[in-house]
Structure formats: C-alpha cells, structure tokens
Amino acid sequence: MNNGIVNKRIEAAKILAMNSIENVICPECHQIFLKVQDVAINLIIERHLSCDICGAYNALRINLSKK
C-alpha cells in the first residue's frame, strides 16, 4: 500500500473519530461514502469503517473514559 493511500485512510479515520455521521468518501476507490458501525464495549467504542464497493476496512477505538 502506498503512502498516499495510507495518509488518506488516516485522514478518514481522524474525521470519523470526531464525527461518525460525517460523509467521508472511500480513500481506496473514491466511489462511495464509508459506512460506519459503532460497537460499544464498556467505556470503549470500536468504530468500524468500511466500503461496500471495494471492501476497504479500517477500525479504531475511542476510549470514552478519557473524554
């Protein structure tokens, strides 16, 4: 994976970490907005980011106890 795509994936994750309803285009295929699914686990949210077209996937954890 090249650095440009990695940087775009990181930027998408940063945006969606702050606002899960933001419309962020898939950094891989640029054809559709990423789908966001939150899974709550105690004081942590696992935020799953995925593209229904190309299958790109990323996940991040948000620790609610630090907010």
PDB file of N, CA and C in Angstrom:
ATOM      1  N   MET A   1       0.855  -1.169   0.000  1.00  0.00           N
ATOM      2  CA  MET A   1       0.000   0.000   0.000  1.00  0.00           C
ATOM      3  C   MET A   1       0.901   1.231   0.000  1.00  0.00           C
ATOM      4  N   ASN A   2       0.607   2.187  -0.883  1.00  0.00           N
ATOM      5  CA  ASN A   2       1.470   3.359  -0.957  1.00  0.00           C
ATOM      6  C   ASN A   2       1.125   4.387   0.114  1.00  0.00           C
ATOM      7  N   ASN A   3       2.069   5.300   0.347  1.00  0.00           N
ATOM      8  CA  ASN A   3       1.910   6.295   1.412  1.00  0.00           C
ATOM      9  C   ASN A   3       0.708   7.205   1.199  1.00  0.00           C
ATOM     10  N   GLY A   4       0.377   7.506  -0.062  1.00  0.00           N
ATOM     11  CA  GLY A   4      -0.769   8.368  -0.332  1.00  0.00           C
ATOM     12  C   GLY A   4      -2.069   7.765   0.169  1.00  0.00           C
ATOM     13  N   ILE A   5      -2.274   6.483  -0.093  1.00  0.00           N
ATOM     14  CA  ILE A   5      -3.491   5.805   0.363  1.00  0.00           C
ATOM     15  C   ILE A   5      -3.487   5.684   1.882  1.00  0.00           C
ATOM     16  N   VAL A   6      -2.331   5.372   2.453  1.00  0.00           N
ATOM     17  CA  VAL A   6      -2.233   5.275   3.917  1.00  0.00           C
ATOM     18  C   VAL A   6      -2.612   6.607   4.551  1.00  0.00           C
ATOM     19  N   ASN A   7      -2.092   7.700   4.019  1.00  0.00           N
ATOM     20  CA  ASN A   7      -2.412   9.024   4.567  1.00  0.00           C
ATOM     21  C   ASN A   7      -3.894   9.347   4.419  1.00  0.00           C
ATOM     22  N   LYS A   8      -4.502   8.954   3.308  1.00  0.00           N
ATOM     23  CA  LYS A   8      -5.938   9.186   3.112  1.00  0.00           C
ATOM     24  C   LYS A   8      -6.766   8.358   4.090  1.00  0.00           C
ATOM     25  N   ARG A   9      -6.325   7.123   4.360  1.00  0.00           N
ATOM     26  CA  ARG A   9      -7.039   6.276   5.334  1.00  0.00           C
ATOM     27  C   ARG A   9      -6.944   6.882   6.732  1.00  0.00           C
ATOM     28  N   ILE A  10      -5.771   7.388   7.088  1.00  0.00           N
ATOM     29  CA  ILE A  10      -5.584   8.013   8.401  1.00  0.00           C
ATOM     30  C   ILE A  10      -6.458   9.251   8.514  1.00  0.00           C
ATOM     31  N   GLU A  11      -6.496  10.072   7.476  1.00  0.00           N
ATOM     32  CA  GLU A  11      -7.315  11.286   7.498  1.00  0.00           C
ATOM     33  C   GLU A  11      -8.800  10.939   7.630  1.00  0.00           C
ATOM     34  N   ALA A  12      -9.259   9.923   6.907  1.00  0.00           N
ATOM     35  CA  ALA A  12     -10.658   9.492   7.011  1.00  0.00           C
ATOM     36  C   ALA A  12     -10.970   9.034   8.430  1.00  0.00           C
ATOM     37  N   ALA A  13     -10.067   8.270   9.033  1.00  0.00           N
ATOM     38  CA  ALA A  13     -10.277   7.786  10.404  1.00  0.00           C
ATOM     39  C   ALA A  13     -10.322   8.944  11.394  1.00  0.00           C
ATOM     40  N   LYS A  14      -9.469   9.945  11.209  1.00  0.00           N
ATOM     41  CA  LYS A  14      -9.471  11.114  12.103  1.00  0.00           C
ATOM     42  C   LYS A  14     -10.803  11.857  12.025  1.00  0.00           C
ATOM     43  N   ILE A  15     -11.292  12.056  10.811  1.00  0.00           N
ATOM     44  CA  ILE A  15     -12.566  12.763  10.632  1.00  0.00           C
ATOM     45  C   ILE A  15     -13.702  11.981  11.285  1.00  0.00           C
ATOM     46  N   LEU A  16     -13.760  10.681  11.013  1.00  0.00           N
ATOM     47  CA  LEU A  16     -14.860   9.868  11.533  1.00  0.00           C
ATOM     48  C   LEU A  16     -14.719   9.566  13.021  1.00  0.00           C
ATOM     49  N   ALA A  17     -13.533   9.698  13.572  1.00  0.00           N
ATOM     50  CA  ALA A  17     -13.363   9.561  15.023  1.00  0.00           C
ATOM     51  C   ALA A  17     -14.052  10.718  15.740  1.00  0.00           C
ATOM     52  N   MET A  18     -14.022  11.885  15.133  1.00  0.00           N
ATOM     53  CA  MET A  18     -14.632  13.068  15.736  1.00  0.00           C
ATOM     54  C   MET A  18     -16.135  13.153  15.478  1.00  0.00           C
ATOM     55  N   ASN A  19     -16.579  12.660  14.317  1.00  0.00           N
ATOM     56  CA  ASN A  19     -17.981  12.793  13.934  1.00  0.00           C
ATOM     57  C   ASN A  19     -18.374  11.601  13.055  1.00  0.00           C
ATOM     58  N   SER A  20     -19.051  10.644  13.649  1.00  0.00           N
ATOM     59  CA  SER A  20     -19.372   9.400  12.933  1.00  0.00           C
ATOM     60  C   SER A  20     -20.396   9.575  11.819  1.00  0.00           C
ATOM     61  N   ILE A  21     -21.095  10.705  11.766  1.00  0.00           N
ATOM     62  CA  ILE A  21     -22.091  10.901  10.708  1.00  0.00           C
ATOM     63  C   ILE A  21     -21.558  11.756   9.557  1.00  0.00           C
ATOM     64  N   GLU A  22     -20.300  12.135   9.630  1.00  0.00           N
ATOM     65  CA  GLU A  22     -19.669  12.891   8.542  1.00  0.00           C
ATOM     66  C   GLU A  22     -19.611  12.012   7.288  1.00  0.00           C
ATOM     67  N   ASN A  23     -19.859  12.598   6.136  1.00  0.00           N
ATOM     68  CA  ASN A  23     -19.752  11.864   4.873  1.00  0.00           C
ATOM     69  C   ASN A  23     -18.308  11.912   4.401  1.00  0.00           C
ATOM     70  N   VAL A  24     -17.642  10.760   4.453  1.00  0.00           N
ATOM     71  CA  VAL A  24     -16.244  10.657   4.037  1.00  0.00           C
ATOM     72  C   VAL A  24     -16.164   9.639   2.905  1.00  0.00           C
ATOM     73  N   ILE A  25     -15.632  10.080   1.782  1.00  0.00           N
ATOM     74  CA  ILE A  25     -15.520   9.203   0.614  1.00  0.00           C
ATOM     75  C   ILE A  25     -14.458   8.135   0.868  1.00  0.00           C
ATOM     76  N   CYS A  26     -14.652   6.966   0.312  1.00  0.00           N
ATOM     77  CA  CYS A  26     -13.700   5.872   0.480  1.00  0.00           C
ATOM     78  C   CYS A  26     -12.329   6.289  -0.053  1.00  0.00           C
ATOM     79  N   PRO A  27     -11.286   6.181   0.767  1.00  0.00           N
ATOM     80  CA  PRO A  27      -9.950   6.577   0.317  1.00  0.00           C
ATOM     81  C   PRO A  27      -9.336   5.600  -0.684  1.00  0.00           C
ATOM     82  N   GLU A  28      -9.955   4.447  -0.862  1.00  0.00           N
ATOM     83  CA  GLU A  28      -9.423   3.439  -1.789  1.00  0.00           C
ATOM     84  C   GLU A  28     -10.017   3.591  -3.191  1.00  0.00           C
ATOM     85  N   CYS A  29     -11.354   3.539  -3.291  1.00  0.00           N
ATOM     86  CA  CYS A  29     -11.997   3.536  -4.613  1.00  0.00           C
ATOM     87  C   CYS A  29     -12.609   4.885  -4.993  1.00  0.00           C
ATOM     88  N   HIS A  30     -12.826   5.761  -4.037  1.00  0.00           N
ATOM     89  CA  HIS A  30     -13.391   7.105  -4.275  1.00  0.00           C
ATOM     90  C   HIS A  30     -14.773   7.061  -4.923  1.00  0.00           C
ATOM     91  N   GLN A  31     -15.557   6.001  -4.653  1.00  0.00           N
ATOM     92  CA  GLN A  31     -16.853   5.852  -5.314  1.00  0.00           C
ATOM     93  C   GLN A  31     -18.054   5.996  -4.391  1.00  0.00           C
ATOM     94  N   ILE A  32     -17.850   5.875  -3.088  1.00  0.00           N
ATOM     95  CA  ILE A  32     -18.980   5.856  -2.161  1.00  0.00           C
ATOM     96  C   ILE A  32     -18.493   6.330  -0.793  1.00  0.00           C
ATOM     97  N   PHE A  33     -19.426   6.807   0.015  1.00  0.00           N
ATOM     98  CA  PHE A  33     -19.073   7.193   1.380  1.00  0.00           C
ATOM     99  C   PHE A  33     -18.834   5.948   2.226  1.00  0.00           C
ATOM    100  N   LEU A  34     -17.909   6.058   3.153  1.00  0.00           N
ATOM    101  CA  LEU A  34     -17.637   4.952   4.066  1.00  0.00           C
ATOM    102  C   LEU A  34     -18.831   4.702   4.971  1.00  0.00           C
ATOM    103  N   LYS A  35     -19.077   3.445   5.260  1.00  0.00           N
ATOM    104  CA  LYS A  35     -20.119   3.048   6.206  1.00  0.00           C
ATOM    105  C   LYS A  35     -19.466   2.968   7.584  1.00  0.00           C
ATOM    106  N   VAL A  36     -20.161   3.471   8.597  1.00  0.00           N
ATOM    107  CA  VAL A  36     -19.627   3.491   9.961  1.00  0.00           C
ATOM    108  C   VAL A  36     -20.532   2.666  10.861  1.00  0.00           C
ATOM    109  N   GLN A  37     -19.919   1.777  11.626  1.00  0.00           N
ATOM    110  CA  GLN A  37     -20.669   0.989  12.606  1.00  0.00           C
ATOM    111  C   GLN A  37     -19.936   1.076  13.936  1.00  0.00           C
ATOM    112  N   ASP A  38     -20.641   1.514  14.975  1.00  0.00           N
ATOM    113  CA  ASP A  38     -20.068   1.607  16.317  1.00  0.00           C
ATOM    114  C   ASP A  38     -20.481   0.404  17.153  1.00  0.00           C
ATOM    115  N   VAL A  39     -19.513  -0.128  17.886  1.00  0.00           N
ATOM    116  CA  VAL A  39     -19.761  -1.220  18.820  1.00  0.00           C
ATOM    117  C   VAL A  39     -19.258  -0.758  20.178  1.00  0.00           C
ATOM    118  N   ALA A  40     -20.170  -0.639  21.151  1.00  0.00           N
ATOM    119  CA  ALA A  40     -19.805  -0.185  22.497  1.00  0.00           C
ATOM    120  C   ALA A  40     -19.352  -1.364  23.345  1.00  0.00           C
ATOM    121  N   ILE A  41     -18.202  -1.191  23.983  1.00  0.00           N
ATOM    122  CA  ILE A  41     -17.655  -2.200  24.888  1.00  0.00           C
ATOM    123  C   ILE A  41     -17.217  -1.454  26.148  1.00  0.00           C
ATOM    124  N   ASN A  42     -18.039  -1.522  27.181  1.00  0.00           N
ATOM    125  CA  ASN A  42     -17.784  -0.775  28.420  1.00  0.00           C
ATOM    126  C   ASN A  42     -17.550   0.694  28.102  1.00  0.00           C
ATOM    127  N   LEU A  43     -16.383   1.237  28.407  1.00  0.00           N
ATOM    128  CA  LEU A  43     -16.101   2.647  28.149  1.00  0.00           C
ATOM    129  C   LEU A  43     -15.292   2.848  26.867  1.00  0.00           C
ATOM    130  N   ILE A  44     -15.403   1.911  25.951  1.00  0.00           N
ATOM    131  CA  ILE A  44     -14.692   1.990  24.675  1.00  0.00           C
ATOM    132  C   ILE A  44     -15.700   1.821  23.545  1.00  0.00           C
ATOM    133  N   ILE A  45     -15.518   2.598  22.503  1.00  0.00           N
ATOM    134  CA  ILE A  45     -16.292   2.408  21.276  1.00  0.00           C
ATOM    135  C   ILE A  45     -15.329   1.917  20.209  1.00  0.00           C
ATOM    136  N   GLU A  46     -15.658   0.792  19.605  1.00  0.00           N
ATOM    137  CA  GLU A  46     -14.942   0.343  18.418  1.00  0.00           C
ATOM    138  C   GLU A  46     -15.711   0.882  17.224  1.00  0.00           C
ATOM    139  N   ARG A  47     -15.059   1.688  16.406  1.00  0.00           N
ATOM    140  CA  ARG A  47     -15.706   2.274  15.238  1.00  0.00           C
ATOM    141  C   ARG A  47     -15.152   1.578  13.995  1.00  0.00           C
ATOM    142  N   HIS A  48     -16.030   0.862  13.302  1.00  0.00           N
ATOM    143  CA  HIS A  48     -15.647   0.109  12.112  1.00  0.00           C
ATOM    144  C   HIS A  48     -16.012   0.929  10.876  1.00  0.00           C
ATOM    145  N   LEU A  49     -15.044   1.125   9.993  1.00  0.00           N
ATOM    146  CA  LEU A  49     -15.222   1.902   8.776  1.00  0.00           C
ATOM    147  C   LEU A  49     -15.073   0.948   7.593  1.00  0.00           C
ATOM    148  N   SER A  50     -16.046   0.934   6.698  1.00  0.00           N
ATOM    149  CA  SER A  50     -15.962   0.001   5.573  1.00  0.00           C
ATOM    150  C   SER A  50     -16.591   0.588   4.317  1.00  0.00           C
ATOM    151  N   CYS A  51     -16.141   0.048   3.183  1.00  0.00           N
ATOM    152  CA  CYS A  51     -16.661   0.448   1.877  1.00  0.00           C
ATOM    153  C   CYS A  51     -17.410  -0.735   1.277  1.00  0.00           C
ATOM    154  N   ASP A  52     -18.658  -0.508   0.897  1.00  0.00           N
ATOM    155  CA  ASP A  52     -19.471  -1.575   0.308  1.00  0.00           C
ATOM    156  C   ASP A  52     -19.085  -1.894  -1.134  1.00  0.00           C
ATOM    157  N   ILE A  53     -18.313  -1.036  -1.774  1.00  0.00           N
ATOM    158  CA  ILE A  53     -17.933  -1.285  -3.166  1.00  0.00           C
ATOM    159  C   ILE A  53     -16.617  -2.051  -3.263  1.00  0.00           C
ATOM    160  N   CYS A  54     -15.554  -1.519  -2.652  1.00  0.00           N
ATOM    161  CA  CYS A  54     -14.237  -2.151  -2.828  1.00  0.00           C
ATOM    162  C   CYS A  54     -13.818  -3.024  -1.646  1.00  0.00           C
ATOM    163  N   GLY A  55     -14.568  -2.963  -0.539  1.00  0.00           N
ATOM    164  CA  GLY A  55     -14.251  -3.798   0.617  1.00  0.00           C
ATOM    165  C   GLY A  55     -13.204  -3.225   1.552  1.00  0.00           C
ATOM    166  N   ALA A  56     -12.772  -1.989   1.315  1.00  0.00           N
ATOM    167  CA  ALA A  56     -11.794  -1.369   2.214  1.00  0.00           C
ATOM    168  C   ALA A  56     -12.346  -1.380   3.638  1.00  0.00           C
ATOM    169  N   TYR A  57     -11.464  -1.608   4.607  1.00  0.00           N
ATOM    170  CA  TYR A  57     -11.895  -1.717   6.000  1.00  0.00           C
ATOM    171  C   TYR A  57     -10.831  -1.113   6.909  1.00  0.00           C
ATOM    172  N   ASN A  58     -11.283  -0.446   7.935  1.00  0.00           N
ATOM    173  CA  ASN A  58     -10.410   0.071   8.980  1.00  0.00           C
ATOM    174  C   ASN A  58     -11.234   0.118  10.262  1.00  0.00           C
ATOM    175  N   ALA A  59     -10.571   0.106  11.382  1.00  0.00           N
ATOM    176  CA  ALA A  59     -11.264   0.202  12.669  1.00  0.00           C
ATOM    177  C   ALA A  59     -10.420   1.033  13.612  1.00  0.00           C
ATOM    178  N   LEU A  60     -11.098   1.683  14.533  1.00  0.00           N
ATOM    179  CA  LEU A  60     -10.396   2.440  15.556  1.00  0.00           C
ATOM    180  C   LEU A  60     -11.139   2.302  16.864  1.00  0.00           C
ATOM    181  N   ARG A  61     -10.426   2.564  17.939  1.00  0.00           N
ATOM    182  CA  ARG A  61     -11.039   2.510  19.267  1.00  0.00           C
ATOM    183  C   ARG A  61     -11.018   3.894  19.884  1.00  0.00           C
ATOM    184  N   ILE A  62     -12.140   4.240  20.491  1.00  0.00           N
ATOM    185  CA  ILE A  62     -12.278   5.523  21.166  1.00  0.00           C
ATOM    186  C   ILE A  62     -12.520   5.232  22.632  1.00  0.00           C
ATOM    187  N   ASN A  63     -11.615   5.700  23.472  1.00  0.00           N
ATOM    188  CA  ASN A  63     -11.709   5.484  24.912  1.00  0.00           C
ATOM    189  C   ASN A  63     -12.538   6.611  25.514  1.00  0.00           C
ATOM    190  N   LEU A  64     -13.745   6.308  25.960  1.00  0.00           N
ATOM    191  CA  LEU A  64     -14.652   7.322  26.498  1.00  0.00           C
ATOM    192  C   LEU A  64     -14.259   7.787  27.890  1.00  0.00           C
ATOM    193  N   SER A  65     -13.457   7.030  28.595  1.00  0.00           N
ATOM    194  CA  SER A  65     -13.069   7.428  29.952  1.00  0.00           C
ATOM    195  C   SER A  65     -12.090   8.592  29.940  1.00  0.00           C
ATOM    196  N   LYS A  66     -11.481   8.895  28.809  1.00  0.00           N
ATOM    197  CA  LYS A  66     -10.524   9.995  28.708  1.00  0.00           C
ATOM    198  C   LYS A  66     -11.165  11.280  28.232  1.00  0.00           C
ATOM    199  N   LYS A  67     -12.468  11.264  27.960  1.00  0.00           N
ATOM    200  CA  LYS A  67     -13.146  12.474  27.471  1.00  0.00           C
ATOM    201  C   LYS A  67     -13.667  13.296  28.606  1.00  0.00           C
TER     202      LYS A  67
END
